[in-house]
mmCIF file of all heavy atoms, coordinates in Angstrom:
data_MODEL
# 
_entry.id   MODEL 
# 
loop_
_atom_site.group_PDB 
_atom_site.id 
_atom_site.type_symbol 
_atom_site.label_atom_id 
_atom_site.label_alt_id 
_atom_site.label_comp_id 
_atom_site.label_asym_id 
_atom_site.label_entity_id 
_atom_site.label_seq_id 
_atom_site.pdbx_PDB_ins_code 
_atom_site.Cartn_x 
_atom_site.Cartn_y 
_atom_site.Cartn_z 
_atom_site.occupancy 
_atom_site.B_iso_or_equiv 
_atom_site.pdbx_formal_charge 
_atom_site.auth_seq_id 
_atom_site.auth_comp_id 
_atom_site.auth_asym_id 
_atom_site.auth_atom_id 
_atom_site.pdbx_PDB_model_num 
ATOM 1   N N   . PHE A 1 1  ? 68.129 110.249 92.565  1.00 0.00 ? 1  PHE A N   1 
ATOM 2   C CA  . PHE A 1 1  ? 66.900 109.662 93.107  1.00 0.00 ? 1  PHE A CA  1 
ATOM 3   C C   . PHE A 1 1  ? 67.151 108.851 94.372  1.00 0.00 ? 1  PHE A C   1 
ATOM 4   O O   . PHE A 1 1  ? 66.766 107.688 94.478  1.00 0.00 ? 1  PHE A O   1 
ATOM 5   C CB  . PHE A 1 1  ? 66.191 108.801 92.042  1.00 0.00 ? 1  PHE A CB  1 
ATOM 6   C CG  . PHE A 1 1  ? 66.016 109.516 90.746  1.00 0.00 ? 1  PHE A CG  1 
ATOM 7   C CD1 . PHE A 1 1  ? 66.772 109.171 89.636  1.00 0.00 ? 1  PHE A CD1 1 
ATOM 8   C CD2 . PHE A 1 1  ? 65.110 110.561 90.640  1.00 0.00 ? 1  PHE A CD2 1 
ATOM 9   C CE1 . PHE A 1 1  ? 66.620 109.844 88.436  1.00 0.00 ? 1  PHE A CE1 1 
ATOM 10  C CE2 . PHE A 1 1  ? 64.947 111.238 89.439  1.00 0.00 ? 1  PHE A CE2 1 
ATOM 11  C CZ  . PHE A 1 1  ? 65.702 110.879 88.339  1.00 0.00 ? 1  PHE A CZ  1 
ATOM 12  N N   . ILE A 1 2  ? 67.839 109.459 95.318  1.00 0.00 ? 2  ILE A N   1 
ATOM 13  C CA  . ILE A 1 2  ? 68.154 108.765 96.568  1.00 0.00 ? 2  ILE A CA  1 
ATOM 14  C C   . ILE A 1 2  ? 67.487 109.457 97.738  1.00 0.00 ? 2  ILE A C   1 
ATOM 15  O O   . ILE A 1 2  ? 67.048 110.599 97.647  1.00 0.00 ? 2  ILE A O   1 
ATOM 16  C CB  . ILE A 1 2  ? 69.671 108.684 96.803  1.00 0.00 ? 2  ILE A CB  1 
ATOM 17  C CG1 . ILE A 1 2  ? 70.266 110.093 96.864  1.00 0.00 ? 2  ILE A CG1 1 
ATOM 18  C CG2 . ILE A 1 2  ? 70.349 107.850 95.750  1.00 0.00 ? 2  ILE A CG2 1 
ATOM 19  C CD1 . ILE A 1 2  ? 71.646 110.133 97.414  1.00 0.00 ? 2  ILE A CD1 1 
ATOM 20  N N   . GLU A 1 3  ? 67.433 108.761 98.825  1.00 0.00 ? 3  GLU A N   1 
ATOM 21  C CA  . GLU A 1 3  ? 66.887 109.279 100.080 1.00 0.00 ? 3  GLU A CA  1 
ATOM 22  C C   . GLU A 1 3  ? 68.028 109.390 101.085 1.00 0.00 ? 3  GLU A C   1 
ATOM 23  O O   . GLU A 1 3  ? 69.098 108.805 100.907 1.00 0.00 ? 3  GLU A O   1 
ATOM 24  C CB  . GLU A 1 3  ? 65.823 108.316 100.621 1.00 0.00 ? 3  GLU A CB  1 
ATOM 25  C CG  . GLU A 1 3  ? 64.678 108.031 99.680  1.00 0.00 ? 3  GLU A CG  1 
ATOM 26  C CD  . GLU A 1 3  ? 63.726 109.197 99.547  1.00 0.00 ? 3  GLU A CD  1 
ATOM 27  O OE1 . GLU A 1 3  ? 63.600 109.961 100.522 1.00 0.00 ? 3  GLU A OE1 1 
ATOM 28  O OE2 . GLU A 1 3  ? 63.116 109.339 98.475  1.00 0.00 ? 3  GLU A OE2 1 
ATOM 29  N N   . GLN A 1 4  ? 67.782 110.093 102.167 1.00 0.00 ? 4  GLN A N   1 
ATOM 30  C CA  . GLN A 1 4  ? 68.775 110.249 103.230 1.00 0.00 ? 4  GLN A CA  1 
ATOM 31  C C   . GLN A 1 4  ? 69.249 108.883 103.729 1.00 0.00 ? 4  GLN A C   1 
ATOM 32  O O   . GLN A 1 4  ? 70.437 108.676 103.958 1.00 0.00 ? 4  GLN A O   1 
ATOM 33  C CB  . GLN A 1 4  ? 68.192 111.061 104.378 1.00 0.00 ? 4  GLN A CB  1 
ATOM 34  C CG  . GLN A 1 4  ? 69.159 111.253 105.529 1.00 0.00 ? 4  GLN A CG  1 
ATOM 35  C CD  . GLN A 1 4  ? 68.589 112.134 106.625 1.00 0.00 ? 4  GLN A CD  1 
ATOM 36  O OE1 . GLN A 1 4  ? 67.677 112.913 106.416 1.00 0.00 ? 4  GLN A OE1 1 
ATOM 37  N NE2 . GLN A 1 4  ? 69.128 112.002 107.805 1.00 0.00 ? 4  GLN A NE2 1 
ATOM 38  N N   . GLU A 1 5  ? 68.335 107.946 103.893 1.00 0.00 ? 5  GLU A N   1 
ATOM 39  C CA  . GLU A 1 5  ? 68.690 106.609 104.372 1.00 0.00 ? 5  GLU A CA  1 
ATOM 40  C C   . GLU A 1 5  ? 69.670 105.910 103.436 1.00 0.00 ? 5  GLU A C   1 
ATOM 41  O O   . GLU A 1 5  ? 70.533 105.158 103.895 1.00 0.00 ? 5  GLU A O   1 
ATOM 42  C CB  . GLU A 1 5  ? 67.444 105.742 104.537 1.00 0.00 ? 5  GLU A CB  1 
ATOM 43  C CG  . GLU A 1 5  ? 66.698 105.981 105.824 1.00 0.00 ? 5  GLU A CG  1 
ATOM 44  C CD  . GLU A 1 5  ? 67.521 105.685 107.068 1.00 0.00 ? 5  GLU A CD  1 
ATOM 45  O OE1 . GLU A 1 5  ? 68.183 104.629 107.122 1.00 0.00 ? 5  GLU A OE1 1 
ATOM 46  O OE2 . GLU A 1 5  ? 67.510 106.510 107.990 1.00 0.00 ? 5  GLU A OE2 1 
ATOM 47  N N   . ASP A 1 6  ? 69.550 106.140 102.130 1.00 0.00 ? 6  ASP A N   1 
ATOM 48  C CA  . ASP A 1 6  ? 70.475 105.542 101.167 1.00 0.00 ? 6  ASP A CA  1 
ATOM 49  C C   . ASP A 1 6  ? 71.909 106.012 101.433 1.00 0.00 ? 6  ASP A C   1 
ATOM 50  O O   . ASP A 1 6  ? 72.852 105.215 101.408 1.00 0.00 ? 6  ASP A O   1 
ATOM 51  C CB  . ASP A 1 6  ? 70.090 105.910 99.731  1.00 0.00 ? 6  ASP A CB  1 
ATOM 52  C CG  . ASP A 1 6  ? 68.714 105.416 99.333  1.00 0.00 ? 6  ASP A CG  1 
ATOM 53  O OD1 . ASP A 1 6  ? 68.310 104.330 99.797  1.00 0.00 ? 6  ASP A OD1 1 
ATOM 54  O OD2 . ASP A 1 6  ? 68.040 106.121 98.562  1.00 0.00 ? 6  ASP A OD2 1 
ATOM 55  N N   . ILE A 1 7  ? 72.068 107.296 101.680 1.00 0.00 ? 7  ILE A N   1 
ATOM 56  C CA  . ILE A 1 7  ? 73.391 107.867 101.934 1.00 0.00 ? 7  ILE A CA  1 
ATOM 57  C C   . ILE A 1 7  ? 73.941 107.340 103.255 1.00 0.00 ? 7  ILE A C   1 
ATOM 58  O O   . ILE A 1 7  ? 75.098 106.915 103.331 1.00 0.00 ? 7  ILE A O   1 
ATOM 59  C CB  . ILE A 1 7  ? 73.334 109.404 101.936 1.00 0.00 ? 7  ILE A CB  1 
ATOM 60  C CG1 . ILE A 1 7  ? 72.952 109.901 100.545 1.00 0.00 ? 7  ILE A CG1 1 
ATOM 61  C CG2 . ILE A 1 7  ? 74.673 109.986 102.379 1.00 0.00 ? 7  ILE A CG2 1 
ATOM 62  C CD1 . ILE A 1 7  ? 72.616 111.364 100.482 1.00 0.00 ? 7  ILE A CD1 1 
ATOM 63  N N   . ILE A 1 8  ? 73.118 107.352 104.287 1.00 0.00 ? 8  ILE A N   1 
ATOM 64  C CA  . ILE A 1 8  ? 73.563 106.860 105.597 1.00 0.00 ? 8  ILE A CA  1 
ATOM 65  C C   . ILE A 1 8  ? 74.002 105.406 105.489 1.00 0.00 ? 8  ILE A C   1 
ATOM 66  O O   . ILE A 1 8  ? 75.061 105.022 106.002 1.00 0.00 ? 8  ILE A O   1 
ATOM 67  C CB  . ILE A 1 8  ? 72.453 107.044 106.650 1.00 0.00 ? 8  ILE A CB  1 
ATOM 68  C CG1 . ILE A 1 8  ? 72.249 108.537 106.932 1.00 0.00 ? 8  ILE A CG1 1 
ATOM 69  C CG2 . ILE A 1 8  ? 72.777 106.276 107.931 1.00 0.00 ? 8  ILE A CG2 1 
ATOM 70  C CD1 . ILE A 1 8  ? 71.035 108.851 107.781 1.00 0.00 ? 8  ILE A CD1 1 
ATOM 71  N N   . HIS A 1 9  ? 73.213 104.581 104.827 1.00 0.00 ? 9  HIS A N   1 
ATOM 72  C CA  . HIS A 1 9  ? 73.538 103.162 104.688 1.00 0.00 ? 9  HIS A CA  1 
ATOM 73  C C   . HIS A 1 9  ? 74.857 102.972 103.925 1.00 0.00 ? 9  HIS A C   1 
ATOM 74  O O   . HIS A 1 9  ? 75.708 102.170 104.314 1.00 0.00 ? 9  HIS A O   1 
ATOM 75  C CB  . HIS A 1 9  ? 72.389 102.443 103.973 1.00 0.00 ? 9  HIS A CB  1 
ATOM 76  C CG  . HIS A 1 9  ? 72.608 100.983 103.806 1.00 0.00 ? 9  HIS A CG  1 
ATOM 77  N ND1 . HIS A 1 9  ? 72.508 100.091 104.849 1.00 0.00 ? 9  HIS A ND1 1 
ATOM 78  C CD2 . HIS A 1 9  ? 72.944 100.258 102.722 1.00 0.00 ? 9  HIS A CD2 1 
ATOM 79  C CE1 . HIS A 1 9  ? 72.771 98.875  104.405 1.00 0.00 ? 9  HIS A CE1 1 
ATOM 80  N NE2 . HIS A 1 9  ? 73.039 98.958  103.115 1.00 0.00 ? 9  HIS A NE2 1 
ATOM 81  N N   . MET A 1 10 ? 75.043 103.717 102.849 1.00 0.00 ? 10 MET A N   1 
ATOM 82  C CA  . MET A 1 10 ? 76.251 103.580 102.042 1.00 0.00 ? 10 MET A CA  1 
ATOM 83  C C   . MET A 1 10 ? 77.496 104.035 102.812 1.00 0.00 ? 10 MET A C   1 
ATOM 84  O O   . MET A 1 10 ? 78.511 103.335 102.838 1.00 0.00 ? 10 MET A O   1 
ATOM 85  C CB  . MET A 1 10 ? 76.131 104.383 100.752 1.00 0.00 ? 10 MET A CB  1 
ATOM 86  C CG  . MET A 1 10 ? 77.314 104.164 99.843  1.00 0.00 ? 10 MET A CG  1 
ATOM 87  S SD  . MET A 1 10 ? 77.281 105.144 98.364  1.00 0.00 ? 10 MET A SD  1 
ATOM 88  C CE  . MET A 1 10 ? 77.306 106.781 99.039  1.00 0.00 ? 10 MET A CE  1 
ATOM 89  N N   . ILE A 1 11 ? 77.427 105.191 103.457 1.00 0.00 ? 11 ILE A N   1 
ATOM 90  C CA  . ILE A 1 11 ? 78.580 105.717 104.191 1.00 0.00 ? 11 ILE A CA  1 
ATOM 91  C C   . ILE A 1 11 ? 78.902 104.838 105.393 1.00 0.00 ? 11 ILE A C   1 
ATOM 92  O O   . ILE A 1 11 ? 80.073 104.584 105.701 1.00 0.00 ? 11 ILE A O   1 
ATOM 93  C CB  . ILE A 1 11 ? 78.332 107.181 104.619 1.00 0.00 ? 11 ILE A CB  1 
ATOM 94  C CG1 . ILE A 1 11 ? 78.201 108.077 103.382 1.00 0.00 ? 11 ILE A CG1 1 
ATOM 95  C CG2 . ILE A 1 11 ? 79.431 107.674 105.556 1.00 0.00 ? 11 ILE A CG2 1 
ATOM 96  C CD1 . ILE A 1 11 ? 79.431 108.125 102.502 1.00 0.00 ? 11 ILE A CD1 1 
ATOM 97  N N   . GLU A 1 12 ? 77.881 104.349 106.091 1.00 0.00 ? 12 GLU A N   1 
ATOM 98  C CA  . GLU A 1 12 ? 78.114 103.462 107.228 1.00 0.00 ? 12 GLU A CA  1 
ATOM 99  C C   . GLU A 1 12 ? 78.846 102.196 106.765 1.00 0.00 ? 12 GLU A C   1 
ATOM 100 O O   . GLU A 1 12 ? 79.812 101.770 107.391 1.00 0.00 ? 12 GLU A O   1 
ATOM 101 C CB  . GLU A 1 12 ? 76.792 103.105 107.893 1.00 0.00 ? 12 GLU A CB  1 
ATOM 102 C CG  . GLU A 1 12 ? 76.953 102.290 109.147 1.00 0.00 ? 12 GLU A CG  1 
ATOM 103 C CD  . GLU A 1 12 ? 75.632 102.090 109.849 1.00 0.00 ? 12 GLU A CD  1 
ATOM 104 O OE1 . GLU A 1 12 ? 75.155 103.038 110.503 1.00 0.00 ? 12 GLU A OE1 1 
ATOM 105 O OE2 . GLU A 1 12 ? 75.072 100.982 109.727 1.00 0.00 ? 12 GLU A OE2 1 
ATOM 106 N N   . GLY A 1 13 ? 78.400 101.604 105.672 1.00 0.00 ? 13 GLY A N   1 
ATOM 107 C CA  . GLY A 1 13 ? 79.077 100.419 105.136 1.00 0.00 ? 13 GLY A CA  1 
ATOM 108 C C   . GLY A 1 13 ? 80.513 100.717 104.749 1.00 0.00 ? 13 GLY A C   1 
ATOM 109 O O   . GLY A 1 13 ? 81.421 99.909  105.005 1.00 0.00 ? 13 GLY A O   1 
ATOM 110 N N   . LEU A 1 14 ? 80.741 101.869 104.145 1.00 0.00 ? 14 LEU A N   1 
ATOM 111 C CA  . LEU A 1 14 ? 82.085 102.284 103.760 1.00 0.00 ? 14 LEU A CA  1 
ATOM 112 C C   . LEU A 1 14 ? 82.982 102.424 104.984 1.00 0.00 ? 14 LEU A C   1 
ATOM 113 O O   . LEU A 1 14 ? 84.113 101.923 105.005 1.00 0.00 ? 14 LEU A O   1 
ATOM 114 C CB  . LEU A 1 14 ? 82.027 103.606 102.991 1.00 0.00 ? 14 LEU A CB  1 
ATOM 115 C CG  . LEU A 1 14 ? 83.363 104.245 102.622 1.00 0.00 ? 14 LEU A CG  1 
ATOM 116 C CD1 . LEU A 1 14 ? 84.149 103.351 101.676 1.00 0.00 ? 14 LEU A CD1 1 
ATOM 117 C CD2 . LEU A 1 14 ? 83.131 105.607 102.009 1.00 0.00 ? 14 LEU A CD2 1 
ATOM 118 N N   . MET A 1 15 ? 82.498 103.077 106.025 1.00 0.00 ? 15 MET A N   1 
ATOM 119 C CA  . MET A 1 15 ? 83.290 103.269 107.240 1.00 0.00 ? 15 MET A CA  1 
ATOM 120 C C   . MET A 1 15 ? 83.615 101.936 107.914 1.00 0.00 ? 15 MET A C   1 
ATOM 121 O O   . MET A 1 15 ? 84.739 101.713 108.369 1.00 0.00 ? 15 MET A O   1 
ATOM 122 C CB  . MET A 1 15 ? 82.551 104.181 108.234 1.00 0.00 ? 15 MET A CB  1 
ATOM 123 C CG  . MET A 1 15 ? 82.378 105.611 107.779 1.00 0.00 ? 15 MET A CG  1 
ATOM 124 S SD  . MET A 1 15 ? 83.973 106.433 107.588 1.00 0.00 ? 15 MET A SD  1 
ATOM 125 C CE  . MET A 1 15 ? 83.972 106.733 105.844 1.00 0.00 ? 15 MET A CE  1 
ATOM 126 N N   . ILE A 1 16 ? 82.655 101.034 107.935 1.00 0.00 ? 16 ILE A N   1 
ATOM 127 C CA  . ILE A 1 16 ? 82.869 99.714  108.540 1.00 0.00 ? 16 ILE A CA  1 
ATOM 128 C C   . ILE A 1 16 ? 83.951 98.961  107.775 1.00 0.00 ? 16 ILE A C   1 
ATOM 129 O O   . ILE A 1 16 ? 84.874 98.392  108.370 1.00 0.00 ? 16 ILE A O   1 
ATOM 130 C CB  . ILE A 1 16 ? 81.553 98.922  108.589 1.00 0.00 ? 16 ILE A CB  1 
ATOM 131 C CG1 . ILE A 1 16 ? 80.601 99.562  109.611 1.00 0.00 ? 16 ILE A CG1 1 
ATOM 132 C CG2 . ILE A 1 16 ? 81.807 97.452  108.921 1.00 0.00 ? 16 ILE A CG2 1 
ATOM 133 C CD1 . ILE A 1 16 ? 79.172 99.075  109.534 1.00 0.00 ? 16 ILE A CD1 1 
ATOM 134 N N   . GLU A 1 17 ? 83.875 98.966  106.454 1.00 0.00 ? 17 GLU A N   1 
ATOM 135 C CA  . GLU A 1 17 ? 84.876 98.263  105.647 1.00 0.00 ? 17 GLU A CA  1 
ATOM 136 C C   . GLU A 1 17 ? 86.254 98.901  105.769 1.00 0.00 ? 17 GLU A C   1 
ATOM 137 O O   . GLU A 1 17 ? 87.273 98.198  105.791 1.00 0.00 ? 17 GLU A O   1 
ATOM 138 C CB  . GLU A 1 17 ? 84.444 98.193  104.183 1.00 0.00 ? 17 GLU A CB  1 
ATOM 139 C CG  . GLU A 1 17 ? 83.301 97.238  103.933 1.00 0.00 ? 17 GLU A CG  1 
ATOM 140 C CD  . GLU A 1 17 ? 83.587 95.825  104.429 1.00 0.00 ? 17 GLU A CD  1 
ATOM 141 O OE1 . GLU A 1 17 ? 84.690 95.291  104.160 1.00 0.00 ? 17 GLU A OE1 1 
ATOM 142 O OE2 . GLU A 1 17 ? 82.714 95.251  105.099 1.00 0.00 ? 17 GLU A OE2 1 
ATOM 143 N N   . LEU A 1 18 ? 86.309 100.237 105.849 1.00 0.00 ? 18 LEU A N   1 
ATOM 144 C CA  . LEU A 1 18 ? 87.603 100.910 106.024 1.00 0.00 ? 18 LEU A CA  1 
ATOM 145 C C   . LEU A 1 18 ? 88.254 100.508 107.345 1.00 0.00 ? 18 LEU A C   1 
ATOM 146 O O   . LEU A 1 18 ? 89.450 100.222 107.392 1.00 0.00 ? 18 LEU A O   1 
ATOM 147 C CB  . LEU A 1 18 ? 87.424 102.429 105.977 1.00 0.00 ? 18 LEU A CB  1 
ATOM 148 C CG  . LEU A 1 18 ? 87.286 103.041 104.598 1.00 0.00 ? 18 LEU A CG  1 
ATOM 149 C CD1 . LEU A 1 18 ? 86.906 104.511 104.698 1.00 0.00 ? 18 LEU A CD1 1 
ATOM 150 C CD2 . LEU A 1 18 ? 88.568 102.876 103.806 1.00 0.00 ? 18 LEU A CD2 1 
ATOM 151 N N   . VAL A 1 19 ? 87.481 100.488 108.412 1.00 0.00 ? 19 VAL A N   1 
ATOM 152 C CA  . VAL A 1 19 ? 88.034 100.103 109.714 1.00 0.00 ? 19 VAL A CA  1 
ATOM 153 C C   . VAL A 1 19 ? 88.514 98.659  109.674 1.00 0.00 ? 19 VAL A C   1 
ATOM 154 O O   . VAL A 1 19 ? 89.612 98.336  110.138 1.00 0.00 ? 19 VAL A O   1 
ATOM 155 C CB  . VAL A 1 19 ? 87.000 100.314 110.845 1.00 0.00 ? 19 VAL A CB  1 
ATOM 156 C CG1 . VAL A 1 19 ? 87.469 99.672  112.141 1.00 0.00 ? 19 VAL A CG1 1 
ATOM 157 C CG2 . VAL A 1 19 ? 86.745 101.794 111.060 1.00 0.00 ? 19 VAL A CG2 1 
ATOM 158 N N   . LYS A 1 20 ? 87.704 97.757  109.116 1.00 0.00 ? 20 LYS A N   1 
ATOM 159 C CA  . LYS A 1 20 ? 88.093 96.345  109.041 1.00 0.00 ? 20 LYS A CA  1 
ATOM 160 C C   . LYS A 1 20 ? 89.370 96.159  108.222 1.00 0.00 ? 20 LYS A C   1 
ATOM 161 O O   . LYS A 1 20 ? 90.212 95.337  108.559 1.00 0.00 ? 20 LYS A O   1 
ATOM 162 C CB  . LYS A 1 20 ? 86.962 95.523  108.423 1.00 0.00 ? 20 LYS A CB  1 
ATOM 163 C CG  . LYS A 1 20 ? 85.797 95.294  109.342 1.00 0.00 ? 20 LYS A CG  1 
ATOM 164 C CD  . LYS A 1 20 ? 84.736 94.457  108.633 1.00 0.00 ? 20 LYS A CD  1 
ATOM 165 C CE  . LYS A 1 20 ? 83.543 94.197  109.530 1.00 0.00 ? 20 LYS A CE  1 
ATOM 166 N NZ  . LYS A 1 20 ? 82.514 93.413  108.826 1.00 0.00 ? 20 LYS A NZ  1 
ATOM 167 N N   . THR A 1 21 ? 89.514 96.923  107.146 1.00 0.00 ? 21 THR A N   1 
ATOM 168 C CA  . THR A 1 21 ? 90.655 96.771  106.263 1.00 0.00 ? 21 THR A CA  1 
ATOM 169 C C   . THR A 1 21 ? 91.910 97.455  106.801 1.00 0.00 ? 21 THR A C   1 
ATOM 170 O O   . THR A 1 21 ? 92.989 96.865  106.817 1.00 0.00 ? 21 THR A O   1 
ATOM 171 C CB  . THR A 1 21 ? 90.329 97.346  104.864 1.00 0.00 ? 21 THR A CB  1 
ATOM 172 O OG1 . THR A 1 21 ? 89.187 96.659  104.351 1.00 0.00 ? 21 THR A OG1 1 
ATOM 173 C CG2 . THR A 1 21 ? 91.496 97.187  103.909 1.00 0.00 ? 21 THR A CG2 1 
ATOM 174 N N   . LEU A 1 22 ? 91.767 98.690  107.241 1.00 0.00 ? 22 LEU A N   1 
ATOM 175 C CA  . LEU A 1 22 ? 92.934 99.474  107.654 1.00 0.00 ? 22 LEU A CA  1 
ATOM 176 C C   . LEU A 1 22 ? 93.336 99.254  109.113 1.00 0.00 ? 22 LEU A C   1 
ATOM 177 O O   . LEU A 1 22 ? 94.506 99.413  109.454 1.00 0.00 ? 22 LEU A O   1 
ATOM 178 C CB  . LEU A 1 22 ? 92.665 100.967 107.420 1.00 0.00 ? 22 LEU A CB  1 
ATOM 179 C CG  . LEU A 1 22 ? 92.404 101.364 105.974 1.00 0.00 ? 22 LEU A CG  1 
ATOM 180 C CD1 . LEU A 1 22 ? 92.047 102.844 105.890 1.00 0.00 ? 22 LEU A CD1 1 
ATOM 181 C CD2 . LEU A 1 22 ? 93.616 101.051 105.100 1.00 0.00 ? 22 LEU A CD2 1 
ATOM 182 N N   . TYR A 1 23 ? 92.374 98.923  109.961 1.00 0.00 ? 23 TYR A N   1 
ATOM 183 C CA  . TYR A 1 23 ? 92.640 98.763  111.390 1.00 0.00 ? 23 TYR A CA  1 
ATOM 184 C C   . TYR A 1 23 ? 91.979 97.486  111.913 1.00 0.00 ? 23 TYR A C   1 
ATOM 185 O O   . TYR A 1 23 ? 91.067 97.545  112.734 1.00 0.00 ? 23 TYR A O   1 
ATOM 186 C CB  . TYR A 1 23 ? 92.115 99.970  112.172 1.00 0.00 ? 23 TYR A CB  1 
ATOM 187 C CG  . TYR A 1 23 ? 92.688 101.282 111.681 1.00 0.00 ? 23 TYR A CG  1 
ATOM 188 C CD1 . TYR A 1 23 ? 91.965 102.095 110.818 1.00 0.00 ? 23 TYR A CD1 1 
ATOM 189 C CD2 . TYR A 1 23 ? 93.952 101.692 112.071 1.00 0.00 ? 23 TYR A CD2 1 
ATOM 190 C CE1 . TYR A 1 23 ? 92.491 103.292 110.352 1.00 0.00 ? 23 TYR A CE1 1 
ATOM 191 C CE2 . TYR A 1 23 ? 94.489 102.883 111.618 1.00 0.00 ? 23 TYR A CE2 1 
ATOM 192 C CZ  . TYR A 1 23 ? 93.751 103.678 110.756 1.00 0.00 ? 23 TYR A CZ  1 
ATOM 193 O OH  . TYR A 1 23 ? 94.282 104.856 110.297 1.00 0.00 ? 23 TYR A OH  1 
ATOM 194 N N   . PRO A 1 24 ? 92.425 96.327  111.457 1.00 0.00 ? 24 PRO A N   1 
ATOM 195 C CA  . PRO A 1 24 ? 91.754 95.084  111.863 1.00 0.00 ? 24 PRO A CA  1 
ATOM 196 C C   . PRO A 1 24 ? 91.791 94.827  113.371 1.00 0.00 ? 24 PRO A C   1 
ATOM 197 O O   . PRO A 1 24 ? 90.959 94.084  113.890 1.00 0.00 ? 24 PRO A O   1 
ATOM 198 C CB  . PRO A 1 24 ? 92.507 93.998  111.087 1.00 0.00 ? 24 PRO A CB  1 
ATOM 199 C CG  . PRO A 1 24 ? 93.791 94.623  110.678 1.00 0.00 ? 24 PRO A CG  1 
ATOM 200 C CD  . PRO A 1 24 ? 93.556 96.097  110.578 1.00 0.00 ? 24 PRO A CD  1 
ATOM 201 N N   . GLU A 1 25 ? 92.719 95.464  114.059 1.00 0.00 ? 25 GLU A N   1 
ATOM 202 C CA  . GLU A 1 25 ? 92.794 95.293  115.519 1.00 0.00 ? 25 GLU A CA  1 
ATOM 203 C C   . GLU A 1 25 ? 91.722 96.097  116.257 1.00 0.00 ? 25 GLU A C   1 
ATOM 204 O O   . GLU A 1 25 ? 91.443 95.840  117.427 1.00 0.00 ? 25 GLU A O   1 
ATOM 205 C CB  . GLU A 1 25 ? 94.189 95.669  116.040 1.00 0.00 ? 25 GLU A CB  1 
ATOM 206 C CG  . GLU A 1 25 ? 94.494 97.157  116.029 1.00 0.00 ? 25 GLU A CG  1 
ATOM 207 C CD  . GLU A 1 25 ? 94.885 97.739  114.671 1.00 0.00 ? 25 GLU A CD  1 
ATOM 208 O OE1 . GLU A 1 25 ? 94.891 97.035  113.645 1.00 0.00 ? 25 GLU A OE1 1 
ATOM 209 O OE2 . GLU A 1 25 ? 95.186 98.949  114.648 1.00 0.00 ? 25 GLU A OE2 1 
ATOM 210 N N   . LYS A 1 26 ? 91.127 97.057  115.598 1.00 0.00 ? 26 LYS A N   1 
ATOM 211 C CA  . LYS A 1 26 ? 90.073 97.877  116.206 1.00 0.00 ? 26 LYS A CA  1 
ATOM 212 C C   . LYS A 1 26 ? 88.741 97.164  116.090 1.00 0.00 ? 26 LYS A C   1 
ATOM 213 O O   . LYS A 1 26 ? 88.481 96.457  115.127 1.00 0.00 ? 26 LYS A O   1 
ATOM 214 C CB  . LYS A 1 26 ? 89.961 99.242  115.518 1.00 0.00 ? 26 LYS A CB  1 
ATOM 215 C CG  . LYS A 1 26 ? 91.215 100.056 115.531 1.00 0.00 ? 26 LYS A CG  1 
ATOM 216 C CD  . LYS A 1 26 ? 91.359 100.791 116.810 1.00 0.00 ? 26 LYS A CD  1 
ATOM 217 C CE  . LYS A 1 26 ? 92.582 101.702 116.734 1.00 0.00 ? 26 LYS A CE  1 
ATOM 218 N NZ  . LYS A 1 26 ? 92.797 102.400 117.958 1.00 0.00 ? 26 LYS A NZ  1 
ATOM 219 N N   . LYS A 1 27 ? 87.886 97.352  117.059 1.00 0.00 ? 27 LYS A N   1 
ATOM 220 C CA  . LYS A 1 27 ? 86.570 96.726  117.052 1.00 0.00 ? 27 LYS A CA  1 
ATOM 221 C C   . LYS A 1 27 ? 85.490 97.803  116.995 1.00 0.00 ? 27 LYS A C   1 
ATOM 222 O O   . LYS A 1 27 ? 85.546 98.779  117.743 1.00 0.00 ? 27 LYS A O   1 
ATOM 223 C CB  . LYS A 1 27 ? 86.362 95.873  118.306 1.00 0.00 ? 27 LYS A CB  1 
ATOM 224 C CG  . LYS A 1 27 ? 87.389 94.770  118.456 1.00 0.00 ? 27 LYS A CG  1 
ATOM 225 C CD  . LYS A 1 27 ? 87.314 93.774  117.317 1.00 0.00 ? 27 LYS A CD  1 
ATOM 226 C CE  . LYS A 1 27 ? 88.388 92.716  117.448 1.00 0.00 ? 27 LYS A CE  1 
ATOM 227 N NZ  . LYS A 1 27 ? 88.941 92.288  116.202 1.00 0.00 ? 27 LYS A NZ  1 
ATOM 228 N N   . ILE A 1 28 ? 84.524 97.611  116.142 1.00 0.00 ? 28 ILE A N   1 
ATOM 229 C CA  . ILE A 1 28 ? 83.375 98.511  116.069 1.00 0.00 ? 28 ILE A CA  1 
ATOM 230 C C   . ILE A 1 28 ? 82.380 98.016  117.110 1.00 0.00 ? 28 ILE A C   1 
ATOM 231 O O   . ILE A 1 28 ? 81.979 96.852  117.088 1.00 0.00 ? 28 ILE A O   1 
ATOM 232 C CB  . ILE A 1 28 ? 82.764 98.520  114.664 1.00 0.00 ? 28 ILE A CB  1 
ATOM 233 C CG1 . ILE A 1 28 ? 83.805 99.043  113.661 1.00 0.00 ? 28 ILE A CG1 1 
ATOM 234 C CG2 . ILE A 1 28 ? 81.497 99.368  114.639 1.00 0.00 ? 28 ILE A CG2 1 
ATOM 235 C CD1 . ILE A 1 28 ? 83.390 98.941  112.222 1.00 0.00 ? 28 ILE A CD1 1 
ATOM 236 N N   . ILE A 1 29 ? 82.006 98.878  118.015 1.00 0.00 ? 29 ILE A N   1 
ATOM 237 C CA  . ILE A 1 29 ? 81.188 98.482  119.158 1.00 0.00 ? 29 ILE A CA  1 
ATOM 238 C C   . ILE A 1 29 ? 79.765 98.134  118.762 1.00 0.00 ? 29 ILE A C   1 
ATOM 239 O O   . ILE A 1 29 ? 79.188 97.173  119.266 1.00 0.00 ? 29 ILE A O   1 
ATOM 240 C CB  . ILE A 1 29 ? 81.194 99.591  120.229 1.00 0.00 ? 29 ILE A CB  1 
ATOM 241 C CG1 . ILE A 1 29 ? 82.615 99.769  120.763 1.00 0.00 ? 29 ILE A CG1 1 
ATOM 242 C CG2 . ILE A 1 29 ? 80.230 99.275  121.352 1.00 0.00 ? 29 ILE A CG2 1 
ATOM 243 C CD1 . ILE A 1 29 ? 82.802 100.975 121.637 1.00 0.00 ? 29 ILE A CD1 1 
ATOM 244 N N   . GLN A 1 30 ? 79.182 98.902  117.851 1.00 0.00 ? 30 GLN A N   1 
ATOM 245 C CA  . GLN A 1 30 ? 77.782 98.666  117.517 1.00 0.00 ? 30 GLN A CA  1 
ATOM 246 C C   . GLN A 1 30 ? 77.528 98.863  116.033 1.00 0.00 ? 30 GLN A C   1 
ATOM 247 O O   . GLN A 1 30 ? 77.876 99.893  115.470 1.00 0.00 ? 30 GLN A O   1 
ATOM 248 C CB  . GLN A 1 30 ? 76.894 99.611  118.325 1.00 0.00 ? 30 GLN A CB  1 
ATOM 249 C CG  . GLN A 1 30 ? 75.425 99.338  118.173 1.00 0.00 ? 30 GLN A CG  1 
ATOM 250 C CD  . GLN A 1 30 ? 74.580 100.231 119.070 1.00 0.00 ? 30 GLN A CD  1 
ATOM 251 O OE1 . GLN A 1 30 ? 75.094 100.918 119.933 1.00 0.00 ? 30 GLN A OE1 1 
ATOM 252 N NE2 . GLN A 1 30 ? 73.304 100.211 118.853 1.00 0.00 ? 30 GLN A NE2 1 
# 
């Protein structure tokens, strides 16, 4: 019972946390 926005929001959060954890020297621009 999910919508496309639910998936986008979840995956975006996952990618942000992965970058922060694995590559703290990298900066997410937006």
